[in-house]
Amino acid sequence: MIGYYVHHQGHGHLHRALSIACHLDAPVTILSSLPRAASWSGPWVDLPRDDQPASDSDVTGYGRLHWVPRHHPGLRSRMALLSRWIDTHRPALLISDVSVEVTAFARLMGVPVIAVGMRGDRSDAAHQLGYDLADRLLLPWSSAFPEPQWPDRWRNKSVHVGAFSRFDGRPVPKREPGDRPTAVVLLGTGGSDIDPQAMDEAVRAVPDWRWTFLGADRWTADPWPVLSTADVVIGHCGNNIVAEIAAARRPAVLIAQTRPHGEQAATARALRRGRLAVVQQRWPASRDWPGLLSQAVALGGRRWREWAPGDGAERAARFIDFQARELTCAPR
C-alpha cells in the first residue's frame, strides 16, 4: 500500500496525484482535505481542515514548520486520523504533495517518504526539514531545467520526471475554422494576481483576436477542447498550468505571479532560458499585447516537448513503485 497526501490548495496537486496513481502497480490511498474526486474509485481518506476556523496563534512552531496552529482541533484530528491510517495499513511509503508537516509526521512513524519538490527558494527552515527528512524527492520538471541553487544533498536524492498533466496523450480535437485568431486565458483555481480590469484592457487592445477566459470564477472541469485549439494561451507560471499548456503544445504568453518562495519566478526563469514561451514578470500593459501575441505565434509550441516529454506520469509511477520495493526492508 502507498499513501498519497494531496494538498487542498487549487486543483493542481490533485491532478498530479491522479495522473500518477493510474499508472502505479501498488494499491494507493489518497489522503486529502479536498472533496473526493469523482474520477477516483480507490480508497480515499477525508482529512479534516486545519485552517478552519482561522487561527492567529503561533502557526509555524517558531519558524520551524509551515502550519501547526496551536490547539487547533482540525490539526489534532487530521494528524490522529493519519496516525490511525498508518498504523492500520502499514504503507510501504507515503508521497507528500505537499506538506512539510505530513512529511515529518509520516517519517516519525517510520514510514519512508517521497516528497514532491517545488521550484524556488526552499532554504527556509521548514523546507530544509521536509526535504532533508524525505527519502527521495520527485521533481515534476526536466533535468534540462534544474534549480541551480539546490544543495547537493537534495539533488543526490532527486529524480526528474519532466512536467506532466492530466492531458498527456489526449488527442487534439478538430479545430473549427474561424474568422479571428483565438487567445485563451487559463488561470486555474489556485489563486490569481491578475486584475480583471487589466484583462479587459488587453481584450480591447487587440480587437482582431477572440478571447476566452477559463479559471477562477469561470473554471471548467475540462478546458482541453478550448486550450488545445487556441492560437495562443495566456497563463501564469504555476506548475500545473504550464504543464497543461505544454501538453497541448500551444504558443504561450506566461506571467510570473507573486508566490511564496519565488516559485513562479523560478519557473519563469527556466522557461525563459529554454525559449519555450514569451515570459513576463507582470501582467503586460495593454499597448504591449499586439506584439506579445505576435511573438508567441512566431515562437510556436514545438519546443514544449523539452519541458513535458509526454510520459512524465508513467516515469513518476515507475520510480514510486521501485522505491516502494526498495525502501521496504523491515517487517511491517
C-alpha atoms as a PDB file:
ATOM      1  CA  MET A   1       0.000   0.000   0.000  1.00  0.00           C
ATOM      2  CA  ILE A   2       1.114   3.537  -0.845  1.00  0.00           C
ATOM      3  CA  GLY A   3      -0.330   6.621   0.827  1.00  0.00           C
ATOM      4  CA  TYR A   4      -0.605   9.764  -1.271  1.00  0.00           C
ATOM      5  CA  TYR A   5      -1.165  13.043   0.578  1.00  0.00           C
ATOM      6  CA  VAL A   6      -2.734  15.750  -1.628  1.00  0.00           C
ATOM      7  CA  HIS A   7      -2.757  19.403  -0.557  1.00  0.00           C
ATOM      8  CA  HIS A   8      -6.105  21.166  -0.802  1.00  0.00           C
ATOM      9  CA  GLN A   9      -4.930  24.411  -2.475  1.00  0.00           C
ATOM     10  CA  GLY A  10      -6.246  24.610  -6.039  1.00  0.00           C
ATOM     11  CA  HIS A  11      -6.596  21.511  -8.223  1.00  0.00           C
ATOM     12  CA  GLY A  12      -3.003  21.070  -9.422  1.00  0.00           C
ATOM     13  CA  HIS A  13      -1.855  18.751  -6.624  1.00  0.00           C
ATOM     14  CA  LEU A  14      -4.892  16.521  -7.138  1.00  0.00           C
ATOM     15  CA  HIS A  15      -4.495  16.391 -10.920  1.00  0.00           C
ATOM     16  CA  ARG A  16      -0.863  15.387 -10.437  1.00  0.00           C
ATOM     17  CA  ALA A  17      -1.793  12.656  -7.961  1.00  0.00           C
ATOM     18  CA  LEU A  18      -4.492  11.194 -10.195  1.00  0.00           C
ATOM     19  CA  SER A  19      -2.171  11.270 -13.215  1.00  0.00           C
ATOM     20  CA  ILE A  20       0.452   9.253 -11.332  1.00  0.00           C
ATOM     21  CA  ALA A  21      -1.876   6.919  -9.432  1.00  0.00           C
ATOM     22  CA  CYS A  22      -3.465   5.421 -12.533  1.00  0.00           C
ATOM     23  CA  HIS A  23      -0.030   4.109 -13.592  1.00  0.00           C
ATOM     24  CA  LEU A  24       1.042   2.619 -10.251  1.00  0.00           C
ATOM     25  CA  ASP A  25       1.209  -1.139  -9.755  1.00  0.00           C
ATOM     26  CA  ALA A  26       0.873  -0.821  -5.974  1.00  0.00           C
ATOM     27  CA  PRO A  27      -2.518   0.000  -4.427  1.00  0.00           C
ATOM     28  CA  VAL A  28      -2.912   3.659  -3.474  1.00  0.00           C
ATOM     29  CA  THR A  29      -4.904   5.517  -0.839  1.00  0.00           C
ATOM     30  CA  ILE A  30      -5.338   9.262  -1.306  1.00  0.00           C
ATOM     31  CA  LEU A  31      -5.373  11.351   1.868  1.00  0.00           C
ATOM     32  CA  SER A  32      -6.648  14.904   1.450  1.00  0.00           C
ATOM     33  CA  SER A  33      -8.906  17.670   2.712  1.00  0.00           C
ATOM     34  CA  LEU A  34     -10.241  18.112  -0.813  1.00  0.00           C
ATOM     35  CA  PRO A  35     -13.615  16.631  -1.754  1.00  0.00           C
ATOM     36  CA  ARG A  36     -13.239  13.150  -3.184  1.00  0.00           C
ATOM     37  CA  ALA A  37     -12.535  13.252  -6.919  1.00  0.00           C
ATOM     38  CA  ALA A  38     -15.408  11.824  -8.949  1.00  0.00           C
ATOM     39  CA  SER A  39     -12.953  10.002 -11.221  1.00  0.00           C
ATOM     40  CA  TRP A  40     -11.192   8.245  -8.327  1.00  0.00           C
ATOM     41  CA  SER A  41     -12.528   4.773  -7.442  1.00  0.00           C
ATOM     42  CA  GLY A  42      -9.800   3.783  -4.979  1.00  0.00           C
ATOM     43  CA  PRO A  43      -9.582   4.388  -1.220  1.00  0.00           C
ATOM     44  CA  TRP A  44      -9.812   7.996  -0.088  1.00  0.00           C
ATOM     45  CA  VAL A  45      -9.305   9.341   3.441  1.00  0.00           C
ATOM     46  CA  ASP A  46     -11.030  12.654   4.201  1.00  0.00           C
ATOM     47  CA  LEU A  47      -8.675  14.681   6.373  1.00  0.00           C
ATOM     48  CA  PRO A  48     -10.168  17.492   8.489  1.00  0.00           C
ATOM     49  CA  ARG A  49      -9.096  21.009   7.544  1.00  0.00           C
ATOM     50  CA  ASP A  50      -6.568  22.637   9.850  1.00  0.00           C
ATOM     51  CA  ASP A  51      -7.212  26.204   8.673  1.00  0.00           C
ATOM     52  CA  GLN A  52     -10.920  26.476   9.511  1.00  0.00           C
ATOM     53  CA  PRO A  53     -11.594  28.343  11.685  1.00  0.00           C
ATOM     54  CA  ALA A  54      -8.574  30.543  11.070  1.00  0.00           C
ATOM     55  CA  SER A  55      -6.028  30.739  13.850  1.00  0.00           C
ATOM     56  CA  ASP A  56      -3.807  33.620  14.886  1.00  0.00           C
ATOM     57  CA  SER A  57      -1.790  31.564  17.360  1.00  0.00           C
ATOM     58  CA  ASP A  58       1.773  30.511  16.604  1.00  0.00           C
ATOM     59  CA  VAL A  59       1.187  28.629  13.351  1.00  0.00           C
ATOM     60  CA  THR A  60       4.819  27.947  12.409  1.00  0.00           C
ATOM     61  CA  GLY A  61       6.289  26.396  15.552  1.00  0.00           C
ATOM     62  CA  TYR A  62       8.665  29.331  15.958  1.00  0.00           C
ATOM     63  CA  GLY A  63       9.581  29.216  12.293  1.00  0.00           C
ATOM     64  CA  ARG A  64      10.460  25.523  12.119  1.00  0.00           C
ATOM     65  CA  LEU A  65       7.287  24.435  10.288  1.00  0.00           C
ATOM     66  CA  HIS A  66       4.755  25.989   7.910  1.00  0.00           C
ATOM     67  CA  TRP A  67       1.372  25.324   9.524  1.00  0.00           C
ATOM     68  CA  VAL A  68       0.853  23.948  13.040  1.00  0.00           C
ATOM     69  CA  PRO A  69      -1.712  26.269  14.702  1.00  0.00           C
ATOM     70  CA  ARG A  70      -1.684  25.822  18.441  1.00  0.00           C
ATOM     71  CA  HIS A  71      -4.666  23.894  19.931  1.00  0.00           C
ATOM     72  CA  HIS A  72      -6.435  23.706  16.554  1.00  0.00           C
ATOM     73  CA  PRO A  73      -8.992  20.854  16.594  1.00  0.00           C
ATOM     74  CA  GLY A  74      -8.652  20.270  12.855  1.00  0.00           C
ATOM     75  CA  LEU A  75      -4.892  19.826  13.068  1.00  0.00           C
ATOM     76  CA  ARG A  76      -5.255  17.470  16.013  1.00  0.00           C
ATOM     77  CA  SER A  77      -7.933  15.396  14.255  1.00  0.00           C
ATOM     78  CA  ARG A  78      -6.154  15.175  10.900  1.00  0.00           C
ATOM     79  CA  MET A  79      -2.892  14.012  12.461  1.00  0.00           C
ATOM     80  CA  ALA A  80      -4.745  11.480  14.621  1.00  0.00           C
ATOM     81  CA  LEU A  81      -6.528  10.145  11.537  1.00  0.00           C
ATOM     82  CA  LEU A  82      -3.264   9.967   9.598  1.00  0.00           C
ATOM     83  CA  SER A  83      -1.673   8.105  12.505  1.00  0.00           C
ATOM     84  CA  ARG A  84      -4.512   5.563  12.648  1.00  0.00           C
ATOM     85  CA  TRP A  85      -4.357   5.023   8.896  1.00  0.00           C
ATOM     86  CA  ILE A  86      -0.590   4.407   9.012  1.00  0.00           C
ATOM     87  CA  ASP A  87      -0.923   2.047  11.975  1.00  0.00           C
ATOM     88  CA  THR A  88      -3.715   0.085  10.284  1.00  0.00           C
ATOM     89  CA  HIS A  89      -2.377  -0.129   6.734  1.00  0.00           C
ATOM     90  CA  ARG A  90       1.395  -0.010   7.341  1.00  0.00           C
ATOM     91  CA  PRO A  91       2.164   1.626   3.986  1.00  0.00           C
ATOM     92  CA  ALA A  92       5.355   0.843   2.129  1.00  0.00           C
ATOM     93  CA  LEU A  93       5.822   4.585   1.652  1.00  0.00           C
ATOM     94  CA  LEU A  94       3.968   7.882   1.612  1.00  0.00           C
ATOM     95  CA  ILE A  95       4.037  10.526  -1.102  1.00  0.00           C
ATOM     96  CA  SER A  96       3.774  14.081   0.212  1.00  0.00           C
ATOM     97  CA  ASP A  97       2.377  16.602  -2.286  1.00  0.00           C
ATOM     98  CA  VAL A  98       2.965  18.833  -0.499  1.00  0.00           C
ATOM     99  CA  SER A  99       3.289  19.259   3.254  1.00  0.00           C
ATOM    100  CA  VAL A 100       6.350  19.525   5.445  1.00  0.00           C
ATOM    101  CA  GLU A 101       4.191  18.569   8.425  1.00  0.00           C
ATOM    102  CA  VAL A 102       2.870  15.393   6.783  1.00  0.00           C
ATOM    103  CA  THR A 103       6.386  14.515   5.623  1.00  0.00           C
ATOM    104  CA  ALA A 104       7.783  14.875   9.140  1.00  0.00           C
ATOM    105  CA  PHE A 105       4.845  13.108  10.794  1.00  0.00           C
ATOM    106  CA  ALA A 106       4.998  10.087   8.490  1.00  0.00           C
ATOM    107  CA  ARG A 107       8.750   9.823   8.905  1.00  0.00           C
ATOM    108  CA  LEU A 108       8.361   9.982  12.706  1.00  0.00           C
ATOM    109  CA  MET A 109       6.093   6.950  12.370  1.00  0.00           C
ATOM    110  CA  GLY A 110       8.797   5.110  10.462  1.00  0.00           C
ATOM    111  CA  VAL A 111       7.251   5.461   7.009  1.00  0.00           C
ATOM    112  CA  PRO A 112       9.595   6.279   4.093  1.00  0.00           C
ATOM    113  CA  VAL A 113       8.538   9.458   2.305  1.00  0.00           C
ATOM    114  CA  ILE A 114       8.808  10.674  -1.267  1.00  0.00           C
ATOM    115  CA  ALA A 115       8.278  14.436  -1.238  1.00  0.00           C
ATOM    116  CA  VAL A 116       7.206  16.214  -4.400  1.00  0.00           C
ATOM    117  CA  GLY A 117       9.664  19.051  -4.912  1.00  0.00           C
ATOM    118  CA  MET A 118       8.732  22.582  -5.857  1.00  0.00           C
ATOM    119  CA  ARG A 119      10.794  25.239  -7.586  1.00  0.00           C
ATOM    120  CA  GLY A 120      12.066  28.389  -5.935  1.00  0.00           C
ATOM    121  CA  ASP A 121      13.979  29.259  -2.797  1.00  0.00           C
ATOM    122  CA  ARG A 122      13.367  26.396  -0.360  1.00  0.00           C
ATOM    123  CA  SER A 123      16.098  27.392   2.060  1.00  0.00           C
ATOM    124  CA  ASP A 124      13.671  28.284   4.865  1.00  0.00           C
ATOM    125  CA  ALA A 125      13.859  26.123   7.985  1.00  0.00           C
ATOM    126  CA  ALA A 126      10.631  24.245   7.281  1.00  0.00           C
ATOM    127  CA  HIS A 127      11.539  23.235   3.730  1.00  0.00           C
ATOM    128  CA  GLN A 128      15.037  22.312   4.838  1.00  0.00           C
ATOM    129  CA  LEU A 129      13.499  19.970   7.405  1.00  0.00           C
ATOM    130  CA  GLY A 130      10.998  18.441   4.989  1.00  0.00           C
ATOM    131  CA  TYR A 131      13.390  17.935   2.095  1.00  0.00           C
ATOM    132  CA  ASP A 132      16.118  16.633   4.399  1.00  0.00           C
ATOM    133  CA  LEU A 133      13.727  14.112   6.003  1.00  0.00           C
ATOM    134  CA  ALA A 134      12.364  12.861   2.680  1.00  0.00           C
ATOM    135  CA  ASP A 135      13.938   9.648   1.445  1.00  0.00           C
ATOM    136  CA  ARG A 136      13.548  10.795  -2.154  1.00  0.00           C
ATOM    137  CA  LEU A 137      12.476  13.961  -3.971  1.00  0.00           C
ATOM    138  CA  LEU A 138      10.213  13.640  -7.005  1.00  0.00           C
ATOM    139  CA  LEU A 139      10.664  16.650  -9.295  1.00  0.00           C
ATOM    140  CA  PRO A 140       7.986  17.305 -11.941  1.00  0.00           C
ATOM    141  CA  TRP A 141      10.352  19.082 -14.279  1.00  0.00           C
ATOM    142  CA  SER A 142      13.103  18.053 -16.683  1.00  0.00           C
ATOM    143  CA  SER A 143      16.740  17.793 -15.631  1.00  0.00           C
ATOM    144  CA  ALA A 144      17.453  20.158 -18.538  1.00  0.00           C
ATOM    145  CA  PHE A 145      15.842  22.916 -16.447  1.00  0.00           C
ATOM    146  CA  PRO A 146      17.305  22.432 -12.950  1.00  0.00           C
ATOM    147  CA  GLU A 147      17.043  24.579  -9.849  1.00  0.00           C
ATOM    148  CA  PRO A 148      20.639  25.877  -9.725  1.00  0.00           C
ATOM    149  CA  GLN A 149      20.655  26.861  -6.046  1.00  0.00           C
ATOM    150  CA  TRP A 150      19.623  23.485  -4.650  1.00  0.00           C
ATOM    151  CA  PRO A 151      22.232  21.832  -2.399  1.00  0.00           C
ATOM    152  CA  ASP A 152      23.872  18.564  -3.418  1.00  0.00           C
ATOM    153  CA  ARG A 153      22.165  16.652  -0.611  1.00  0.00           C
ATOM    154  CA  TRP A 154      18.817  17.318  -2.307  1.00  0.00           C
ATOM    155  CA  ARG A 155      19.987  16.831  -5.875  1.00  0.00           C
ATOM    156  CA  ASN A 156      21.565  13.491  -4.977  1.00  0.00           C
ATOM    157  CA  LYS A 157      18.228  12.001  -3.917  1.00  0.00           C
ATOM    158  CA  SER A 158      16.103  13.620  -6.635  1.00  0.00           C
ATOM    159  CA  VAL A 159      14.578  12.188  -9.772  1.00  0.00           C
ATOM    160  CA  HIS A 160      13.460  14.451 -12.623  1.00  0.00           C
ATOM    161  CA  VAL A 161      10.472  13.032 -14.485  1.00  0.00           C
ATOM    162  CA  GLY A 162       9.591  16.043 -16.625  1.00  0.00           C
ATOM    163  CA  ALA A 163       6.396  18.054 -16.444  1.00  0.00           C
ATOM    164  CA  PHE A 164       3.154  16.138 -16.879  1.00  0.00           C
ATOM    165  CA  SER A 165      -0.562  16.783 -16.690  1.00  0.00           C
ATOM    166  CA  ARG A 166      -3.932  15.057 -16.880  1.00  0.00           C
ATOM    167  CA  PHE A 167      -3.985  15.851 -20.613  1.00  0.00           C
ATOM    168  CA  ASP A 168      -0.841  13.967 -21.644  1.00  0.00           C
ATOM    169  CA  GLY A 169      -1.557  11.789 -24.663  1.00  0.00           C
ATOM    170  CA  ARG A 170      -5.055  13.151 -25.187  1.00  0.00           C
ATOM    171  CA  PRO A 171      -5.980  13.727 -28.839  1.00  0.00           C
ATOM    172  CA  VAL A 172      -6.429  17.293 -30.021  1.00  0.00           C
ATOM    173  CA  PRO A 173      -9.964  17.865 -31.311  1.00  0.00           C
ATOM    174  CA  LYS A 174     -10.532  19.078 -34.829  1.00  0.00           C
ATOM    175  CA  ARG A 175     -10.241  22.817 -34.963  1.00  0.00           C
ATOM    176  CA  GLU A 176     -13.189  24.699 -36.374  1.00  0.00           C
ATOM    177  CA  PRO A 177     -12.261  27.444 -38.839  1.00  0.00           C
ATOM    178  CA  GLY A 178     -12.771  30.953 -37.512  1.00  0.00           C
ATOM    179  CA  ASP A 179     -12.554  34.491 -38.742  1.00  0.00           C
ATOM    180  CA  ARG A 180     -10.200  35.588 -35.948  1.00  0.00           C
ATOM    181  CA  PRO A 181      -7.265  34.027 -34.066  1.00  0.00           C
ATOM    182  CA  THR A 182      -8.049  32.881 -30.534  1.00  0.00           C
ATOM    183  CA  ALA A 183      -6.384  33.778 -27.245  1.00  0.00           C
ATOM    184  CA  VAL A 184      -7.268  31.631 -24.228  1.00  0.00           C
ATOM    185  CA  VAL A 185      -6.546  32.922 -20.722  1.00  0.00           C
ATOM    186  CA  LEU A 186      -6.045  29.934 -18.408  1.00  0.00           C
ATOM    187  CA  LEU A 187      -5.965  30.883 -14.729  1.00  0.00           C
ATOM    188  CA  GLY A 188      -6.679  27.701 -12.751  1.00  0.00           C
ATOM    189  CA  THR A 189      -8.171  27.712  -9.234  1.00  0.00           C
ATOM    190  CA  GLY A 190      -5.096  28.186  -7.060  1.00  0.00           C
ATOM    191  CA  GLY A 191      -5.422  31.962  -6.928  1.00  0.00           C
ATOM    192  CA  SER A 192      -4.613  34.769  -9.352  1.00  0.00           C
ATOM    193  CA  ASP A 193      -2.970  38.188  -9.030  1.00  0.00           C
ATOM    194  CA  ILE A 194      -4.424  39.367 -12.336  1.00  0.00           C
ATOM    195  CA  ASP A 195      -6.730  42.381 -12.215  1.00  0.00           C
ATOM    196  CA  PRO A 196      -9.980  41.849 -14.189  1.00  0.00           C
ATOM    197  CA  GLN A 197      -9.764  45.435 -15.455  1.00  0.00           C
ATOM    198  CA  ALA A 198      -6.306  44.748 -16.879  1.00  0.00           C
ATOM    199  CA  MET A 199      -7.704  41.729 -18.716  1.00  0.00           C
ATOM    200  CA  ASP A 200     -10.487  43.869 -20.189  1.00  0.00           C
ATOM    201  CA  GLU A 201      -7.893  46.385 -21.386  1.00  0.00           C
ATOM    202  CA  ALA A 202      -5.920  43.593 -23.061  1.00  0.00           C
ATOM    203  CA  VAL A 203      -9.012  42.465 -24.949  1.00  0.00           C
ATOM    204  CA  ARG A 204      -9.656  45.998 -26.194  1.00  0.00           C
ATOM    205  CA  ALA A 205      -6.019  46.356 -27.264  1.00  0.00           C
ATOM    206  CA  VAL A 206      -6.281  43.508 -29.798  1.00  0.00           C
ATOM    207  CA  PRO A 207      -9.822  43.626 -31.213  1.00  0.00           C
ATOM    208  CA  ASP A 208      -8.859  41.334 -34.072  1.00  0.00           C
ATOM    209  CA  TRP A 209      -8.429  38.423 -31.612  1.00  0.00           C
ATOM    210  CA  ARG A 210     -11.189  36.398 -29.968  1.00  0.00           C
ATOM    211  CA  TRP A 211     -10.561  35.932 -26.211  1.00  0.00           C
ATOM    212  CA  THR A 212     -11.773  33.157 -23.921  1.00  0.00           C
ATOM    213  CA  PHE A 213     -11.254  33.161 -20.146  1.00  0.00           C
ATOM    214  CA  LEU A 214     -11.001  29.917 -18.168  1.00  0.00           C
ATOM    215  CA  GLY A 215     -10.367  29.529 -14.450  1.00  0.00           C
ATOM    216  CA  ALA A 216     -11.161  31.403 -11.236  1.00  0.00           C
ATOM    217  CA  ASP A 217     -14.920  32.144 -11.330  1.00  0.00           C
ATOM    218  CA  ARG A 218     -15.088  30.772 -14.892  1.00  0.00           C
ATOM    219  CA  TRP A 219     -13.472  27.460 -14.015  1.00  0.00           C
ATOM    220  CA  THR A 220     -14.355  24.462 -16.162  1.00  0.00           C
ATOM    221  CA  ALA A 221     -13.640  20.832 -15.380  1.00  0.00           C
ATOM    222  CA  ASP A 222     -12.362  20.162 -18.901  1.00  0.00           C
ATOM    223  CA  PRO A 223     -10.590  23.060 -20.619  1.00  0.00           C
ATOM    224  CA  TRP A 224      -8.832  20.777 -23.122  1.00  0.00           C
ATOM    225  CA  PRO A 225     -11.019  21.397 -26.208  1.00  0.00           C
ATOM    226  CA  VAL A 226     -10.512  25.158 -25.890  1.00  0.00           C
ATOM    227  CA  LEU A 227      -6.919  25.034 -24.644  1.00  0.00           C
ATOM    228  CA  SER A 228      -5.618  22.631 -27.271  1.00  0.00           C
ATOM    229  CA  THR A 229      -7.013  24.557 -30.243  1.00  0.00           C
ATOM    230  CA  ALA A 230      -6.011  28.084 -29.163  1.00  0.00           C
ATOM    231  CA  ASP A 231      -3.658  30.147 -31.263  1.00  0.00           C
ATOM    232  CA  VAL A 232      -2.054  31.485 -28.069  1.00  0.00           C
ATOM    233  CA  VAL A 233      -2.599  30.552 -24.425  1.00  0.00           C
ATOM    234  CA  ILE A 234      -2.056  33.136 -21.701  1.00  0.00           C
ATOM    235  CA  GLY A 235      -1.460  31.876 -18.177  1.00  0.00           C
ATOM    236  CA  HIS A 236       0.576  32.230 -15.038  1.00  0.00           C
ATOM    237  CA  CYS A 237       3.741  30.272 -14.265  1.00  0.00           C
ATOM    238  CA  GLY A 238       2.171  27.780 -11.881  1.00  0.00           C
ATOM    239  CA  ASN A 239       3.463  24.243 -12.352  1.00  0.00           C
ATOM    240  CA  ASN A 240       0.143  22.683 -13.343  1.00  0.00           C
ATOM    241  CA  ILE A 241      -0.953  25.452 -15.704  1.00  0.00           C
ATOM    242  CA  VAL A 242       2.386  25.342 -17.525  1.00  0.00           C
ATOM    243  CA  ALA A 243       2.227  21.536 -17.745  1.00  0.00           C
ATOM    244  CA  GLU A 244      -1.249  21.657 -19.295  1.00  0.00           C
ATOM    245  CA  ILE A 245      -0.168  24.243 -21.856  1.00  0.00           C
ATOM    246  CA  ALA A 246       2.907  22.136 -22.607  1.00  0.00           C
ATOM    247  CA  ALA A 247       0.739  19.052 -23.139  1.00  0.00           C
ATOM    248  CA  ALA A 248      -1.237  21.000 -25.736  1.00  0.00           C
ATOM    249  CA  ARG A 249       1.999  22.195 -27.426  1.00  0.00           C
ATOM    250  CA  ARG A 250       0.473  25.648 -27.843  1.00  0.00           C
ATOM    251  CA  PRO A 251       2.277  29.001 -28.122  1.00  0.00           C
ATOM    252  CA  ALA A 252       2.047  30.859 -24.835  1.00  0.00           C
ATOM    253  CA  VAL A 253       2.460  34.137 -23.004  1.00  0.00           C
ATOM    254  CA  LEU A 254       3.175  33.335 -19.353  1.00  0.00           C
ATOM    255  CA  ILE A 255       3.186  35.757 -16.435  1.00  0.00           C
ATOM    256  CA  ALA A 256       5.075  35.101 -13.199  1.00  0.00           C
ATOM    257  CA  GLN A 257       2.793  35.795 -10.244  1.00  0.00           C
ATOM    258  CA  THR A 258       3.973  36.528  -6.729  1.00  0.00           C
ATOM    259  CA  ARG A 259       4.111  33.273  -4.780  1.00  0.00           C
ATOM    260  CA  PRO A 260       5.815  32.134  -1.574  1.00  0.00           C
ATOM    261  CA  HIS A 261       9.461  31.186  -2.049  1.00  0.00           C
ATOM    262  CA  GLY A 262       9.508  32.721  -5.543  1.00  0.00           C
ATOM    263  CA  GLU A 263       8.122  29.534  -7.110  1.00  0.00           C
ATOM    264  CA  GLN A 264       6.630  31.122 -10.216  1.00  0.00           C
ATOM    265  CA  ALA A 265       9.600  33.461 -10.652  1.00  0.00           C
ATOM    266  CA  ALA A 266      11.873  30.399 -10.700  1.00  0.00           C
ATOM    267  CA  THR A 267       9.650  28.684 -13.268  1.00  0.00           C
ATOM    268  CA  ALA A 268       9.680  31.852 -15.364  1.00  0.00           C
ATOM    269  CA  ARG A 269      13.480  31.884 -15.379  1.00  0.00           C
ATOM    270  CA  ALA A 270      13.594  28.268 -16.547  1.00  0.00           C
ATOM    271  CA  LEU A 271      11.033  28.910 -19.290  1.00  0.00           C
ATOM    272  CA  ARG A 272      12.933  31.949 -20.465  1.00  0.00           C
ATOM    273  CA  ARG A 273      16.225  30.036 -20.575  1.00  0.00           C
ATOM    274  CA  GLY A 274      14.609  27.377 -22.716  1.00  0.00           C
ATOM    275  CA  ARG A 275      12.857  29.872 -25.012  1.00  0.00           C
ATOM    276  CA  LEU A 276       9.678  27.881 -24.539  1.00  0.00           C
ATOM    277  CA  ALA A 277       7.236  30.767 -24.176  1.00  0.00           C
ATOM    278  CA  VAL A 278       7.012  34.540 -24.078  1.00  0.00           C
ATOM    279  CA  VAL A 279       7.585  35.213 -20.374  1.00  0.00           C
ATOM    280  CA  GLN A 280       6.622  38.361 -18.480  1.00  0.00           C
ATOM    281  CA  GLN A 281       7.286  39.319 -14.865  1.00  0.00           C
ATOM    282  CA  ARG A 282       3.916  41.064 -14.524  1.00  0.00           C
ATOM    283  CA  TRP A 283       0.689  41.470 -16.457  1.00  0.00           C
ATOM    284  CA  PRO A 284       1.679  43.495 -19.544  1.00  0.00           C
ATOM    285  CA  ALA A 285       0.422  46.967 -20.364  1.00  0.00           C
ATOM    286  CA  SER A 286      -2.398  46.985 -22.890  1.00  0.00           C
ATOM    287  CA  ARG A 287      -0.194  48.561 -25.583  1.00  0.00           C
ATOM    288  CA  ASP A 288       2.192  45.578 -25.393  1.00  0.00           C
ATOM    289  CA  TRP A 289      -0.331  42.861 -26.192  1.00  0.00           C
ATOM    290  CA  PRO A 290      -0.284  43.027 -30.005  1.00  0.00           C
ATOM    291  CA  GLY A 291       3.477  42.497 -30.042  1.00  0.00           C
ATOM    292  CA  LEU A 292       3.423  39.780 -27.358  1.00  0.00           C
ATOM    293  CA  LEU A 293       0.812  37.714 -29.172  1.00  0.00           C
ATOM    294  CA  SER A 294       2.780  38.027 -32.406  1.00  0.00           C
ATOM    295  CA  GLN A 295       5.958  36.934 -30.608  1.00  0.00           C
ATOM    296  CA  ALA A 296       4.193  33.892 -29.176  1.00  0.00           C
ATOM    297  CA  VAL A 297       2.851  32.835 -32.569  1.00  0.00           C
ATOM    298  CA  ALA A 298       6.320  33.190 -34.085  1.00  0.00           C
ATOM    299  CA  LEU A 299       7.897  31.168 -31.263  1.00  0.00           C
ATOM    300  CA  GLY A 300       5.360  28.371 -31.654  1.00  0.00           C
ATOM    301  CA  GLY A 301       4.865  25.434 -29.317  1.00  0.00           C
ATOM    302  CA  ARG A 302       7.061  22.668 -30.711  1.00  0.00           C
ATOM    303  CA  ARG A 303       9.751  23.042 -28.047  1.00  0.00           C
ATOM    304  CA  TRP A 304       7.341  22.180 -25.249  1.00  0.00           C
ATOM    305  CA  ARG A 305       8.402  18.527 -25.608  1.00  0.00           C
ATOM    306  CA  GLU A 306      11.665  19.501 -23.902  1.00  0.00           C
ATOM    307  CA  TRP A 307       9.634  20.574 -20.850  1.00  0.00           C
ATOM    308  CA  ALA A 308       6.956  17.889 -20.935  1.00  0.00           C
ATOM    309  CA  PRO A 309       8.055  14.700 -22.723  1.00  0.00           C
ATOM    310  CA  GLY A 310       4.565  13.196 -22.566  1.00  0.00           C
ATOM    311  CA  ASP A 311       5.318  10.279 -20.239  1.00  0.00           C
ATOM    312  CA  GLY A 312       6.212  12.079 -17.012  1.00  0.00           C
ATOM    313  CA  ALA A 313       3.405  10.479 -15.004  1.00  0.00           C
ATOM    314  CA  GLU A 314       4.471   6.997 -16.108  1.00  0.00           C
ATOM    315  CA  ARG A 315       8.083   7.797 -15.186  1.00  0.00           C
ATOM    316  CA  ALA A 316       6.948   9.001 -11.767  1.00  0.00           C
ATOM    317  CA  ALA A 317       4.888   5.849 -11.220  1.00  0.00           C
ATOM    318  CA  ARG A 318       7.766   3.552 -12.159  1.00  0.00           C
ATOM    319  CA  PHE A 319      10.038   5.422  -9.759  1.00  0.00           C
ATOM    320  CA  ILE A 320       7.492   5.227  -6.925  1.00  0.00           C
ATOM    321  CA  ASP A 321       6.822   1.507  -7.453  1.00  0.00           C
ATOM    322  CA  PHE A 322      10.556   0.823  -7.430  1.00  0.00           C
ATOM    323  CA  GLN A 323      11.059   2.842  -4.252  1.00  0.00           C
ATOM    324  CA  ALA A 324       8.138   1.085  -2.565  1.00  0.00           C
ATOM    325  CA  ARG A 325      10.002  -2.189  -3.078  1.00  0.00           C
ATOM    326  CA  GLU A 326      13.480  -0.779  -2.407  1.00  0.00           C
ATOM    327  CA  LEU A 327      12.601   1.016   0.836  1.00  0.00           C
ATOM    328  CA  THR A 328      10.619  -1.904   2.250  1.00  0.00           C
ATOM    329  CA  CYS A 329      13.359  -3.699   4.115  1.00  0.00           C
ATOM    330  CA  ALA A 330      11.930  -4.088   7.639  1.00  0.00           C
ATOM    331  CA  PRO A 331       8.944  -6.127   8.878  1.00  0.00           C
ATOM    332  CA  ARG A 332       5.680  -4.191   8.988  1.00  0.00           C
END
